[in-house]
PDB file of N, CA and C in Angstrom:
ATOM      1  N   SER A   1      -3.492  90.966  60.193  1.00  0.00           N
ATOM      2  CA  SER A   1      -3.982  90.642  61.519  1.00  0.00           C
ATOM      3  C   SER A   1      -4.596  89.261  61.507  1.00  0.00           C
ATOM      4  N   CYS A   2      -4.491  88.555  62.604  1.00  0.00           N
ATOM      5  CA  CYS A   2      -5.095  87.230  62.735  1.00  0.00           C
ATOM      6  C   CYS A   2      -6.371  87.297  63.551  1.00  0.00           C
ATOM      7  N   THR A   3      -6.839  88.498  63.827  1.00  0.00           N
ATOM      8  CA  THR A   3      -8.051  88.675  64.611  1.00  0.00           C
ATOM      9  C   THR A   3      -9.261  88.566  63.698  1.00  0.00           C
ATOM     10  N   PRO A   4     -10.215  87.682  64.032  1.00  0.00           N
ATOM     11  CA  PRO A   4     -11.404  87.552  63.187  1.00  0.00           C
ATOM     12  C   PRO A   4     -12.103  88.898  63.009  1.00  0.00           C
ATOM     13  N   GLY A   5     -12.485  89.185  61.781  1.00  0.00           N
ATOM     14  CA  GLY A   5     -13.194  90.417  61.480  1.00  0.00           C
ATOM     15  C   GLY A   5     -12.306  91.614  61.229  1.00  0.00           C
ATOM     16  N   VAL A   6     -11.016  91.498  61.508  1.00  0.00           N
ATOM     17  CA  VAL A   6     -10.085  92.606  61.279  1.00  0.00           C
ATOM     18  C   VAL A   6      -9.352  92.331  59.970  1.00  0.00           C
ATOM     19  N   PRO A   7      -9.464  93.230  58.993  1.00  0.00           N
ATOM     20  CA  PRO A   7      -8.830  92.976  57.695  1.00  0.00           C
ATOM     21  C   PRO A   7      -7.305  92.979  57.797  1.00  0.00           C
ATOM     22  N   ILE A   8      -6.698  92.217  56.931  1.00  0.00           N
ATOM     23  CA  ILE A   8      -5.241  92.171  56.857  1.00  0.00           C
ATOM     24  C   ILE A   8      -4.762  93.423  56.136  1.00  0.00           C
ATOM     25  N   GLU A   9      -3.763  94.068  56.689  1.00  0.00           N
ATOM     26  CA  GLU A   9      -3.192  95.262  56.068  1.00  0.00           C
ATOM     27  C   GLU A   9      -1.995  94.845  55.221  1.00  0.00           C
ATOM     28  N   LEU A  10      -2.050  95.133  53.945  1.00  0.00           N
ATOM     29  CA  LEU A  10      -0.961  94.812  53.036  1.00  0.00           C
ATOM     30  C   LEU A  10      -0.119  96.051  52.797  1.00  0.00           C
ATOM     31  N   LEU A  11       1.185  95.889  52.887  1.00  0.00           N
ATOM     32  CA  LEU A  11       2.104  97.005  52.698  1.00  0.00           C
ATOM     33  C   LEU A  11       2.944  96.779  51.453  1.00  0.00           C
ATOM     34  N   PRO A  12       3.095  97.797  50.611  1.00  0.00           N
ATOM     35  CA  PRO A  12       3.987  97.637  49.458  1.00  0.00           C
ATOM     36  C   PRO A  12       5.441  97.658  49.946  1.00  0.00           C
ATOM     37  N   LEU A  13       6.248  96.767  49.433  1.00  0.00           N
ATOM     38  CA  LEU A  13       7.648  96.692  49.823  1.00  0.00           C
ATOM     39  C   LEU A  13       8.520  96.813  48.585  1.00  0.00           C
ATOM     40  N   ALA A  14       9.605  97.520  48.720  1.00  0.00           N
ATOM     41  CA  ALA A  14      10.558  97.651  47.623  1.00  0.00           C
ATOM     42  C   ALA A  14      11.585  96.533  47.748  1.00  0.00           C
ATOM     43  N   LEU A  15      11.777  95.794  46.684  1.00  0.00           N
ATOM     44  CA  LEU A  15      12.740  94.702  46.693  1.00  0.00           C
ATOM     45  C   LEU A  15      14.079  95.187  46.168  1.00  0.00           C
ATOM     46  N   ALA A  16      15.133  94.811  46.863  1.00  0.00           N
ATOM     47  CA  ALA A  16      16.478  95.119  46.388  1.00  0.00           C
ATOM     48  C   ALA A  16      16.846  94.090  45.325  1.00  0.00           C
ATOM     49  N   PRO A  17      17.657  94.473  44.352  1.00  0.00           N
ATOM     50  CA  PRO A  17      18.073  93.483  43.350  1.00  0.00           C
ATOM     51  C   PRO A  17      18.956  92.419  44.001  1.00  0.00           C
ATOM     52  N   ALA A  18      18.787  91.187  43.578  1.00  0.00           N
ATOM     53  CA  ALA A  18      19.599  90.090  44.116  1.00  0.00           C
ATOM     54  C   ALA A  18      21.039  90.255  43.652  1.00  0.00           C
ATOM     55  N   ALA A  19      21.966  89.786  44.487  1.00  0.00           N
ATOM     56  CA  ALA A  19      23.384  89.864  44.145  1.00  0.00           C
ATOM     57  C   ALA A  19      23.697  88.987  42.929  1.00  0.00           C
ATOM     58  N   CYS A  20      22.878  87.977  42.712  1.00  0.00           N
ATOM     59  CA  CYS A  20      23.020  87.120  41.539  1.00  0.00           C
ATOM     60  C   CYS A  20      21.631  86.595  41.190  1.00  0.00           C
ATOM     61  N   GLU A  21      21.532  85.961  40.040  1.00  0.00           N
ATOM     62  CA  GLU A  21      20.233  85.419  39.661  1.00  0.00           C
ATOM     63  C   GLU A  21      19.868  84.274  40.596  1.00  0.00           C
ATOM     64  N   LEU A  22      18.602  84.154  40.885  1.00  0.00           N
ATOM     65  CA  LEU A  22      18.115  83.122  41.797  1.00  0.00           C
ATOM     66  C   LEU A  22      17.369  82.076  40.990  1.00  0.00           C
ATOM     67  N   TYR A  23      17.787  80.833  41.126  1.00  0.00           N
ATOM     68  CA  TYR A  23      17.165  79.727  40.407  1.00  0.00           C
ATOM     69  C   TYR A  23      16.594  78.731  41.402  1.00  0.00           C
ATOM     70  N   PHE A  24      15.485  78.126  41.030  1.00  0.00           N
ATOM     71  CA  PHE A  24      14.872  77.086  41.846  1.00  0.00           C
ATOM     72  C   PHE A  24      14.719  75.829  41.008  1.00  0.00           C
ATOM     73  N   VAL A  25      14.925  74.681  41.628  1.00  0.00           N
ATOM     74  CA  VAL A  25      14.716  73.393  40.980  1.00  0.00           C
ATOM     75  C   VAL A  25      13.810  72.581  41.888  1.00  0.00           C
ATOM     76  N   LEU A  26      12.757  72.018  41.335  1.00  0.00           N
ATOM     77  CA  LEU A  26      11.837  71.187  42.102  1.00  0.00           C
ATOM     78  C   LEU A  26      11.984  69.751  41.632  1.00  0.00           C
ATOM     79  N   VAL A  27      12.283  68.859  42.565  1.00  0.00           N
ATOM     80  CA  VAL A  27      12.417  67.434  42.279  1.00  0.00           C
ATOM     81  C   VAL A  27      11.309  66.724  43.025  1.00  0.00           C
ATOM     82  N   ASN A  28      10.533  65.937  42.315  1.00  0.00           N
ATOM     83  CA  ASN A  28       9.433  65.218  42.947  1.00  0.00           C
ATOM     84  C   ASN A  28       9.745  63.729  42.906  1.00  0.00           C
ATOM     85  N   PRO A  29      10.307  63.182  43.992  1.00  0.00           N
ATOM     86  CA  PRO A  29      10.684  61.768  43.992  1.00  0.00           C
ATOM     87  C   PRO A  29       9.459  60.861  43.879  1.00  0.00           C
ATOM     88  N   VAL A  30       9.666  59.719  43.259  1.00  0.00           N
ATOM     89  CA  VAL A  30       8.574  58.763  43.090  1.00  0.00           C
ATOM     90  C   VAL A  30       8.583  57.813  44.290  1.00  0.00           C
ATOM     91  N   PHE A  31       7.731  58.096  45.241  1.00  0.00           N
ATOM     92  CA  PHE A  31       7.548  57.219  46.393  1.00  0.00           C
ATOM     93  C   PHE A  31       6.236  57.590  47.052  1.00  0.00           C
ATOM     94  N   GLU A  32       5.715  56.672  47.833  1.00  0.00           N
ATOM     95  CA  GLU A  32       4.453  56.907  48.521  1.00  0.00           C
ATOM     96  C   GLU A  32       4.704  57.768  49.758  1.00  0.00           C
ATOM     97  N   ALA A  33       3.971  58.844  49.872  1.00  0.00           N
ATOM     98  CA  ALA A  33       4.075  59.722  51.040  1.00  0.00           C
ATOM     99  C   ALA A  33       2.667  60.065  51.504  1.00  0.00           C
ATOM    100  N   PRO A  34       1.966  59.073  52.075  1.00  0.00           N
ATOM    101  CA  PRO A  34       0.604  59.361  52.532  1.00  0.00           C
ATOM    102  C   PRO A  34       0.607  60.500  53.546  1.00  0.00           C
ATOM    103  N   THR A  35      -0.288  61.439  53.351  1.00  0.00           N
ATOM    104  CA  THR A  35      -0.351  62.605  54.231  1.00  0.00           C
ATOM    105  C   THR A  35      -0.477  62.184  55.685  1.00  0.00           C
ATOM    106  N   ALA A  36      -1.309  61.189  55.970  1.00  0.00           N
ATOM    107  CA  ALA A  36      -1.504  60.748  57.356  1.00  0.00           C
ATOM    108  C   ALA A  36      -0.193  60.255  57.960  1.00  0.00           C
ATOM    109  N   GLU A  37       0.597  59.521  57.177  1.00  0.00           N
ATOM    110  CA  GLU A  37       1.875  59.010  57.671  1.00  0.00           C
ATOM    111  C   GLU A  37       2.865  60.148  57.901  1.00  0.00           C
ATOM    112  N   MET A  38       2.898  61.098  56.980  1.00  0.00           N
ATOM    113  CA  MET A  38       3.829  62.214  57.118  1.00  0.00           C
ATOM    114  C   MET A  38       3.435  63.123  58.283  1.00  0.00           C
ATOM    115  N   ARG A  39       2.150  63.256  58.532  1.00  0.00           N
ATOM    116  CA  ARG A  39       1.695  64.056  59.673  1.00  0.00           C
ATOM    117  C   ARG A  39       1.921  63.333  60.990  1.00  0.00           C
ATOM    118  N   ALA A  40       1.831  62.011  60.970  1.00  0.00           N
ATOM    119  CA  ALA A  40       1.947  61.229  62.202  1.00  0.00           C
ATOM    120  C   ALA A  40       3.317  61.373  62.858  1.00  0.00           C
ATOM    121  N   VAL A  41       4.347  61.650  62.080  1.00  0.00           N
ATOM    122  CA  VAL A  41       5.689  61.757  62.656  1.00  0.00           C
ATOM    123  C   VAL A  41       5.971  63.137  63.245  1.00  0.00           C
ATOM    124  N   LEU A  42       5.097  64.091  62.974  1.00  0.00           N
ATOM    125  CA  LEU A  42       5.323  65.443  63.499  1.00  0.00           C
ATOM    126  C   LEU A  42       5.196  65.446  65.016  1.00  0.00           C
ATOM    127  N   PRO A  43       6.047  66.207  65.685  1.00  0.00           N
ATOM    128  CA  PRO A  43       5.976  66.244  67.148  1.00  0.00           C
ATOM    129  C   PRO A  43       4.672  66.869  67.633  1.00  0.00           C
ATOM    130  N   LYS A  44       4.162  66.330  68.714  1.00  0.00           N
ATOM    131  CA  LYS A  44       2.939  66.880  69.317  1.00  0.00           C
ATOM    132  C   LYS A  44       3.257  68.158  70.082  1.00  0.00           C
ATOM    133  N   GLN A  45       4.483  68.249  70.582  1.00  0.00           N
ATOM    134  CA  GLN A  45       4.945  69.449  71.279  1.00  0.00           C
ATOM    135  C   GLN A  45       6.305  69.834  70.716  1.00  0.00           C
ATOM    136  N   VAL A  46       6.582  71.119  70.734  1.00  0.00           N
ATOM    137  CA  VAL A  46       7.832  71.647  70.202  1.00  0.00           C
ATOM    138  C   VAL A  46       8.464  72.522  71.271  1.00  0.00           C
ATOM    139  N   SER A  47       9.772  72.390  71.441  1.00  0.00           N
ATOM    140  CA  SER A  47      10.449  73.207  72.445  1.00  0.00           C
ATOM    141  C   SER A  47      10.409  74.679  72.048  1.00  0.00           C
ATOM    142  N   MET A  48      10.501  75.524  73.043  1.00  0.00           N
ATOM    143  CA  MET A  48      10.510  76.964  72.794  1.00  0.00           C
ATOM    144  C   MET A  48      11.698  77.339  71.910  1.00  0.00           C
ATOM    145  N   SER A  49      12.871  76.746  72.157  1.00  0.00           N
ATOM    146  CA  SER A  49      14.052  77.103  71.360  1.00  0.00           C
ATOM    147  C   SER A  49      13.884  76.687  69.899  1.00  0.00           C
ATOM    148  N   ALA A  50      13.268  75.533  69.655  1.00  0.00           N
ATOM    149  CA  ALA A  50      13.035  75.101  68.272  1.00  0.00           C
ATOM    150  C   ALA A  50      12.051  76.036  67.578  1.00  0.00           C
ATOM    151  N   MET A  51      10.995  76.417  68.280  1.00  0.00           N
ATOM    152  CA  MET A  51      10.002  77.320  67.688  1.00  0.00           C
ATOM    153  C   MET A  51      10.620  78.690  67.411  1.00  0.00           C
ATOM    154  N   ILE A  52      11.426  79.183  68.346  1.00  0.00           N
ATOM    155  CA  ILE A  52      12.094  80.474  68.141  1.00  0.00           C
ATOM    156  C   ILE A  52      13.011  80.392  66.924  1.00  0.00           C
ATOM    157  N   ASN A  53      13.774  79.298  66.811  1.00  0.00           N
ATOM    158  CA  ASN A  53      14.655  79.126  65.651  1.00  0.00           C
ATOM    159  C   ASN A  53      13.859  79.197  64.353  1.00  0.00           C
ATOM    160  N   ASN A  54      12.804  78.400  64.253  1.00  0.00           N
ATOM    161  CA  ASN A  54      12.052  78.369  63.000  1.00  0.00           C
ATOM    162  C   ASN A  54      11.365  79.703  62.704  1.00  0.00           C
ATOM    163  N   CYS A  55      10.846  80.367  63.729  1.00  0.00           N
ATOM    164  CA  CYS A  55      10.225  81.685  63.516  1.00  0.00           C
ATOM    165  C   CYS A  55      11.267  82.706  63.061  1.00  0.00           C
ATOM    166  N   CYS A  56      12.438  82.667  63.669  1.00  0.00           N
ATOM    167  CA  CYS A  56      13.512  83.579  63.257  1.00  0.00           C
ATOM    168  C   CYS A  56      13.918  83.318  61.812  1.00  0.00           C
ATOM    169  N   GLN A  57      13.936  82.057  61.416  1.00  0.00           N
ATOM    170  CA  GLN A  57      14.295  81.734  60.037  1.00  0.00           C
ATOM    171  C   GLN A  57      13.243  82.266  59.065  1.00  0.00           C
ATOM    172  N   GLY A  58      11.980  82.298  59.494  1.00  0.00           N
ATOM    173  CA  GLY A  58      10.934  82.911  58.667  1.00  0.00           C
ATOM    174  C   GLY A  58      11.225  84.385  58.445  1.00  0.00           C
ATOM    175  N   GLY A  59      11.642  85.066  59.511  1.00  0.00           N
ATOM    176  CA  GLY A  59      12.025  86.473  59.387  1.00  0.00           C
ATOM    177  C   GLY A  59      13.247  86.641  58.503  1.00  0.00           C
ATOM    178  N   SER A  60      14.203  85.725  58.640  1.00  0.00           N
ATOM    179  CA  SER A  60      15.405  85.778  57.799  1.00  0.00           C
ATOM    180  C   SER A  60      15.061  85.567  56.332  1.00  0.00           C
ATOM    181  N   LEU A  61      14.104  84.687  56.068  1.00  0.00           N
ATOM    182  CA  LEU A  61      13.676  84.456  54.688  1.00  0.00           C
ATOM    183  C   LEU A  61      13.100  85.735  54.086  1.00  0.00           C
ATOM    184  N   VAL A  62      12.231  86.397  54.830  1.00  0.00           N
ATOM    185  CA  VAL A  62      11.646  87.656  54.353  1.00  0.00           C
ATOM    186  C   VAL A  62      12.747  88.696  54.147  1.00  0.00           C
ATOM    187  N   ALA A  63      13.660  88.815  55.111  1.00  0.00           N
ATOM    188  CA  ALA A  63      14.753  89.782  54.984  1.00  0.00           C
ATOM    189  C   ALA A  63      15.624  89.465  53.773  1.00  0.00           C
ATOM    190  N   GLY A  64      15.903  88.190  53.551  1.00  0.00           N
ATOM    191  CA  GLY A  64      16.711  87.795  52.400  1.00  0.00           C
ATOM    192  C   GLY A  64      16.051  88.145  51.085  1.00  0.00           C
ATOM    193  N   VAL A  65      14.743  87.915  51.003  1.00  0.00           N
ATOM    194  CA  VAL A  65      14.010  88.255  49.779  1.00  0.00           C
ATOM    195  C   VAL A  65      14.004  89.767  49.572  1.00  0.00           C
ATOM    196  N   LEU A  66      13.755  90.531  50.635  1.00  0.00           N
ATOM    197  CA  LEU A  66      13.679  91.990  50.509  1.00  0.00           C
ATOM    198  C   LEU A  66      15.020  92.629  50.170  1.00  0.00           C
ATOM    199  N   THR A  67      16.101  92.043  50.664  1.00  0.00           N
ATOM    200  CA  THR A  67      17.421  92.632  50.429  1.00  0.00           C
ATOM    201  C   THR A  67      18.149  92.005  49.248  1.00  0.00           C
ATOM    202  N   GLY A  68      17.590  90.932  48.695  1.00  0.00           N
ATOM    203  CA  GLY A  68      18.255  90.251  47.584  1.00  0.00           C
ATOM    204  C   GLY A  68      19.438  89.416  48.025  1.00  0.00           C
ATOM    205  N   ASP A  69      19.479  89.037  49.296  1.00  0.00           N
ATOM    206  CA  ASP A  69      20.591  88.259  49.846  1.00  0.00           C
ATOM    207  C   ASP A  69      20.312  86.763  49.668  1.00  0.00           C
ATOM    208  N   VAL A  70      20.869  86.197  48.609  1.00  0.00           N
ATOM    209  CA  VAL A  70      20.616  84.802  48.264  1.00  0.00           C
ATOM    210  C   VAL A  70      21.124  83.860  49.354  1.00  0.00           C
ATOM    211  N   ARG A  71      22.261  84.152  49.932  1.00  0.00           N
ATOM    212  CA  ARG A  71      22.810  83.287  50.996  1.00  0.00           C
ATOM    213  C   ARG A  71      21.896  83.290  52.220  1.00  0.00           C
ATOM    214  N   LEU A  72      21.345  84.438  52.569  1.00  0.00           N
ATOM    215  CA  LEU A  72      20.425  84.515  53.705  1.00  0.00           C
ATOM    216  C   LEU A  72      19.155  83.718  53.412  1.00  0.00           C
ATOM    217  N   ILE A  73      18.658  83.809  52.197  1.00  0.00           N
ATOM    218  CA  ILE A  73      17.499  83.000  51.803  1.00  0.00           C
ATOM    219  C   ILE A  73      17.838  81.521  51.983  1.00  0.00           C
ATOM    220  N   GLY A  74      19.011  81.136  51.517  1.00  0.00           N
ATOM    221  CA  GLY A  74      19.440  79.742  51.631  1.00  0.00           C
ATOM    222  C   GLY A  74      19.537  79.265  53.061  1.00  0.00           C
ATOM    223  N   ARG A  75      20.178  80.064  53.907  1.00  0.00           N
ATOM    224  CA  ARG A  75      20.299  79.674  55.322  1.00  0.00           C
ATOM    225  C   ARG A  75      18.933  79.561  55.974  1.00  0.00           C
ATOM    226  N   ALA A  76      18.043  80.485  55.650  1.00  0.00           N
ATOM    227  CA  ALA A  76      16.706  80.455  56.248  1.00  0.00           C
ATOM    228  C   ALA A  76      15.946  79.204  55.826  1.00  0.00           C
ATOM    229  N   LEU A  77      16.030  78.850  54.556  1.00  0.00           N
ATOM    230  CA  LEU A  77      15.288  77.690  54.061  1.00  0.00           C
ATOM    231  C   LEU A  77      15.907  76.364  54.483  1.00  0.00           C
ATOM    232  N   ASP A  78      17.171  76.388  54.858  1.00  0.00           N
ATOM    233  CA  ASP A  78      17.880  75.151  55.188  1.00  0.00           C
ATOM    234  C   ASP A  78      18.069  74.967  56.690  1.00  0.00           C
ATOM    235  N   SER A  79      17.296  75.687  57.508  1.00  0.00           N
ATOM    236  CA  SER A  79      17.534  75.684  58.956  1.00  0.00           C
ATOM    237  C   SER A  79      16.378  75.157  59.789  1.00  0.00           C
ATOM    238  N   ASP A  80      15.475  74.406  59.194  1.00  0.00           N
ATOM    239  CA  ASP A  80      14.331  73.860  59.928  1.00  0.00           C
ATOM    240  C   ASP A  80      14.808  72.837  60.956  1.00  0.00           C
ATOM    241  N   VAL A  81      14.395  73.006  62.194  1.00  0.00           N
ATOM    242  CA  VAL A  81      14.748  72.047  63.245  1.00  0.00           C
ATOM    243  C   VAL A  81      13.517  71.318  63.783  1.00  0.00           C
ATOM    244  N   ILE A  82      12.362  71.517  63.152  1.00  0.00           N
ATOM    245  CA  ILE A  82      11.131  70.889  63.639  1.00  0.00           C
ATOM    246  C   ILE A  82      10.602  69.834  62.665  1.00  0.00           C
ATOM    247  N   ILE A  83      10.350  70.206  61.437  1.00  0.00           N
ATOM    248  CA  ILE A  83       9.663  69.322  60.493  1.00  0.00           C
ATOM    249  C   ILE A  83      10.622  68.399  59.742  1.00  0.00           C
ATOM    250  N   GLU A  84      11.604  68.975  59.066  1.00  0.00           N
ATOM    251  CA  GLU A  84      12.476  68.151  58.228  1.00  0.00           C
ATOM    252  C   GLU A  84      13.251  67.083  58.999  1.00  0.00           C
ATOM    253  N   PRO A  85      13.694  67.343  60.230  1.00  0.00           N
ATOM    254  CA  PRO A  85      14.397  66.278  60.948  1.00  0.00           C
ATOM    255  C   PRO A  85      13.564  65.009  61.162  1.00  0.00           C
ATOM    256  N   VAL A  86      12.242  65.140  61.258  1.00  0.00           N
ATOM    257  CA  VAL A  86      11.419  63.944  61.460  1.00  0.00           C
ATOM    258  C   VAL A  86      10.842  63.409  60.153  1.00  0.00           C
ATOM    259  N   ARG A  87      10.603  64.271  59.179  1.00  0.00           N
ATOM    260  CA  ARG A  87      10.091  63.800  57.887  1.00  0.00           C
ATOM    261  C   ARG A  87      11.220  63.380  56.953  1.00  0.00           C
ATOM    262  N   GLY A  88      12.366  63.984  57.100  1.00  0.00           N
ATOM    263  CA  GLY A  88      13.494  63.695  56.214  1.00  0.00           C
ATOM    264  C   GLY A  88      13.829  62.221  56.076  1.00  0.00           C
ATOM    265  N   PRO A  89      13.912  61.482  57.185  1.00  0.00           N
ATOM    266  CA  PRO A  89      14.230  60.057  57.067  1.00  0.00           C
ATOM    267  C   PRO A  89      13.193  59.252  56.279  1.00  0.00           C
ATOM    268  N   LEU A  90      11.994  59.777  56.107  1.00  0.00           N
ATOM    269  CA  LEU A  90      10.956  59.082  55.344  1.00  0.00           C
ATOM    270  C   LEU A  90      11.061  59.348  53.844  1.00  0.00           C
ATOM    271  N   ILE A  91      11.927  60.283  53.460  1.00  0.00           N
ATOM    272  CA  ILE A  91      12.084  60.650  52.051  1.00  0.00           C
ATOM    273  C   ILE A  91      13.344  59.965  51.523  1.00  0.00           C
ATOM    274  N   PRO A  92      13.168  58.921  50.709  1.00  0.00           N
ATOM    275  CA  PRO A  92      14.331  58.182  50.210  1.00  0.00           C
ATOM    276  C   PRO A  92      15.300  59.091  49.460  1.00  0.00           C
ATOM    277  N   GLY A  93      16.577  58.999  49.831  1.00  0.00           N
ATOM    278  CA  GLY A  93      17.606  59.740  49.122  1.00  0.00           C
ATOM    279  C   GLY A  93      17.764  61.194  49.501  1.00  0.00           C
ATOM    280  N   LEU A  94      17.000  61.674  50.477  1.00  0.00           N
ATOM    281  CA  LEU A  94      17.066  63.099  50.822  1.00  0.00           C
ATOM    282  C   LEU A  94      18.481  63.529  51.191  1.00  0.00           C
ATOM    283  N   LEU A  95      19.136  62.783  52.056  1.00  0.00           N
ATOM    284  CA  LEU A  95      20.484  63.181  52.482  1.00  0.00           C
ATOM    285  C   LEU A  95      21.460  63.179  51.312  1.00  0.00           C
ATOM    286  N   ALA A  96      21.341  62.195  50.419  1.00  0.00           N
ATOM    287  CA  ALA A  96      22.225  62.139  49.251  1.00  0.00           C
ATOM    288  C   ALA A  96      21.966  63.316  48.313  1.00  0.00           C
ATOM    289  N   VAL A  97      20.703  63.660  48.122  1.00  0.00           N
ATOM    290  CA  VAL A  97      20.357  64.799  47.261  1.00  0.00           C
ATOM    291  C   VAL A  97      20.883  66.092  47.864  1.00  0.00           C
ATOM    292  N   LYS A  98      20.725  66.246  49.185  1.00  0.00           N
ATOM    293  CA  LYS A  98      21.228  67.460  49.840  1.00  0.00           C
ATOM    294  C   LYS A  98      22.740  67.572  49.672  1.00  0.00           C
ATOM    295  N   ALA A  99      23.447  66.462  49.876  1.00  0.00           N
ATOM    296  CA  ALA A  99      24.905  66.477  49.750  1.00  0.00           C
ATOM    297  C   ALA A  99      25.323  66.798  48.317  1.00  0.00           C
ATOM    298  N   ALA A 100      24.655  66.198  47.331  1.00  0.00           N
ATOM    299  CA  ALA A 100      24.994  66.447  45.926  1.00  0.00           C
ATOM    300  C   ALA A 100      24.702  67.896  45.536  1.00  0.00           C
ATOM    301  N   ALA A 101      23.585  68.426  46.007  1.00  0.00           N
ATOM    302  CA  ALA A 101      23.233  69.814  45.691  1.00  0.00           C
ATOM    303  C   ALA A 101      24.244  70.778  46.296  1.00  0.00           C
ATOM    304  N   LYS A 102      24.631  70.529  47.544  1.00  0.00           N
ATOM    305  CA  LYS A 102      25.623  71.399  48.193  1.00  0.00           C
ATOM    306  C   LYS A 102      26.955  71.325  47.444  1.00  0.00           C
ATOM    307  N   ALA A 103      27.353  70.098  47.045  1.00  0.00           N
ATOM    308  CA  ALA A 103      28.607  69.929  46.314  1.00  0.00           C
ATOM    309  C   ALA A 103      28.560  70.648  44.964  1.00  0.00           C
ATOM    310  N   ALA A 104      27.364  70.777  44.393  1.00  0.00           N
ATOM    311  CA  ALA A 104      27.194  71.460  43.104  1.00  0.00           C
ATOM    312  C   ALA A 104      27.043  72.967  43.270  1.00  0.00           C
ATOM    313  N   GLY A 105      27.156  73.455  44.513  1.00  0.00           N
ATOM    314  CA  GLY A 105      27.101  74.891  44.744  1.00  0.00           C
ATOM    315  C   GLY A 105      25.726  75.450  45.025  1.00  0.00           C
ATOM    316  N   LYS A 106      24.747  74.593  45.259  1.00  0.00           N
ATOM    317  CA  LYS A 106      23.407  75.081  45.588  1.00  0.00           C
ATOM    318  C   LYS A 106      23.423  75.630  47.010  1.00  0.00           C
ATOM    319  N   CYS A 107      22.656  76.678  47.234  1.00  0.00           N
ATOM    320  CA  CYS A 107      22.631  77.329  48.543  1.00  0.00           C
ATOM    321  C   CYS A 107      21.834  76.531  49.567  1.00  0.00           C
ATOM    322  N   TRP A 108      20.850  75.786  49.098  1.00  0.00           N
ATOM    323  CA  TRP A 108      19.972  75.098  50.035  1.00  0.00           C
ATOM    324  C   TRP A 108      19.179  74.016  49.320  1.00  0.00           C
ATOM    325  N   VAL A 109      18.693  73.086  50.115  1.00  0.00           N
ATOM    326  CA  VAL A 109      17.761  72.059  49.648  1.00  0.00           C
ATOM    327  C   VAL A 109      16.695  71.947  50.714  1.00  0.00           C
ATOM    328  N   ARG A 110      15.457  71.968  50.315  1.00  0.00           N
ATOM    329  CA  ARG A 110      14.356  71.963  51.279  1.00  0.00           C
ATOM    330  C   ARG A 110      13.322  70.942  50.856  1.00  0.00           C
ATOM    331  N   ALA A 111      12.949  70.058  51.779  1.00  0.00           N
ATOM    332  CA  ALA A 111      11.829  69.160  51.526  1.00  0.00           C
ATOM    333  C   ALA A 111      10.564  70.007  51.626  1.00  0.00           C
ATOM    334  N   ALA A 112       9.754  69.968  50.590  1.00  0.00           N
ATOM    335  CA  ALA A 112       8.568  70.823  50.523  1.00  0.00           C
ATOM    336  C   ALA A 112       7.313  70.028  50.853  1.00  0.00           C
ATOM    337  N   ALA A 113       6.709  70.340  51.961  1.00  0.00           N
ATOM    338  CA  ALA A 113       5.435  69.749  52.379  1.00  0.00           C
ATOM    339  C   ALA A 113       5.540  68.245  52.584  1.00  0.00           C
ATOM    340  N   ALA A 114       4.414  67.615  52.753  1.00  0.00           N
ATOM    341  CA  ALA A 114       4.377  66.186  53.050  1.00  0.00           C
ATOM    342  C   ALA A 114       4.643  65.335  51.824  1.00  0.00           C
ATOM    343  N   SER A 115       4.628  65.932  50.642  1.00  0.00           N
ATOM    344  CA  SER A 115       4.789  65.155  49.409  1.00  0.00           C
ATOM    345  C   SER A 115       6.193  64.610  49.240  1.00  0.00           C
ATOM    346  N   GLY A 116       7.159  65.201  49.943  1.00  0.00           N
ATOM    347  CA  GLY A 116       8.540  64.795  49.766  1.00  0.00           C
ATOM    348  C   GLY A 116       9.218  65.489  48.606  1.00  0.00           C
ATOM    349  N   ALA A 117       8.512  66.384  47.924  1.00  0.00           N
ATOM    350  CA  ALA A 117       9.131  67.134  46.834  1.00  0.00           C
ATOM    351  C   ALA A 117      10.312  67.917  47.395  1.00  0.00           C
ATOM    352  N   LEU A 118      11.392  67.961  46.648  1.00  0.00           N
ATOM    353  CA  LEU A 118      12.590  68.661  47.093  1.00  0.00           C
ATOM    354  C   LEU A 118      12.761  69.920  46.266  1.00  0.00           C
ATOM    355  N   LEU A 119      13.012  71.016  46.937  1.00  0.00           N
ATOM    356  CA  LEU A 119      13.200  72.306  46.291  1.00  0.00           C
ATOM    357  C   LEU A 119      14.622  72.748  46.586  1.00  0.00           C
ATOM    358  N   THR A 120      15.367  73.097  45.561  1.00  0.00           N
ATOM    359  CA  THR A 120      16.732  73.561  45.760  1.00  0.00           C
ATOM    360  C   THR A 120      16.938  74.848  44.980  1.00  0.00           C
ATOM    361  N   GLY A 121      17.908  75.601  45.384  1.00  0.00           N
ATOM    362  CA  GLY A 121      18.147  76.863  44.700  1.00  0.00           C
ATOM    363  C   GLY A 121      19.538  77.386  44.928  1.00  0.00           C
ATOM    364  N   SER A 122      19.910  78.301  44.074  1.00  0.00           N
ATOM    365  CA  SER A 122      21.194  78.991  44.221  1.00  0.00           C
ATOM    366  C   SER A 122      21.105  80.331  43.538  1.00  0.00           C
TER     367      SER A 122
END
């Protein structure tokens, strides 16, 4: 719950085995990514359709983890229409890294936070 004073209820969940092993690679590019600069490019307002897309992808990520569906996890992590489109151009080589990772069979590449660190997996 997000209500002040109301405790969060945690539920045990059974995880399905993944269809294949899941690997993650974290790449931390060497470039300046001041938090203020990375935050400054974020939109002040977001369309309802963009917010719905990103929220749905959050649900898809949870569903993918619970069912062991690696492709669903990949689609969920690679479908941001709010943050990465505006921060991505500030991360040198992001598009080239995404293309190379996809060509190598990786399911997704995600810019992680304002640092510009890239997370990929398959």
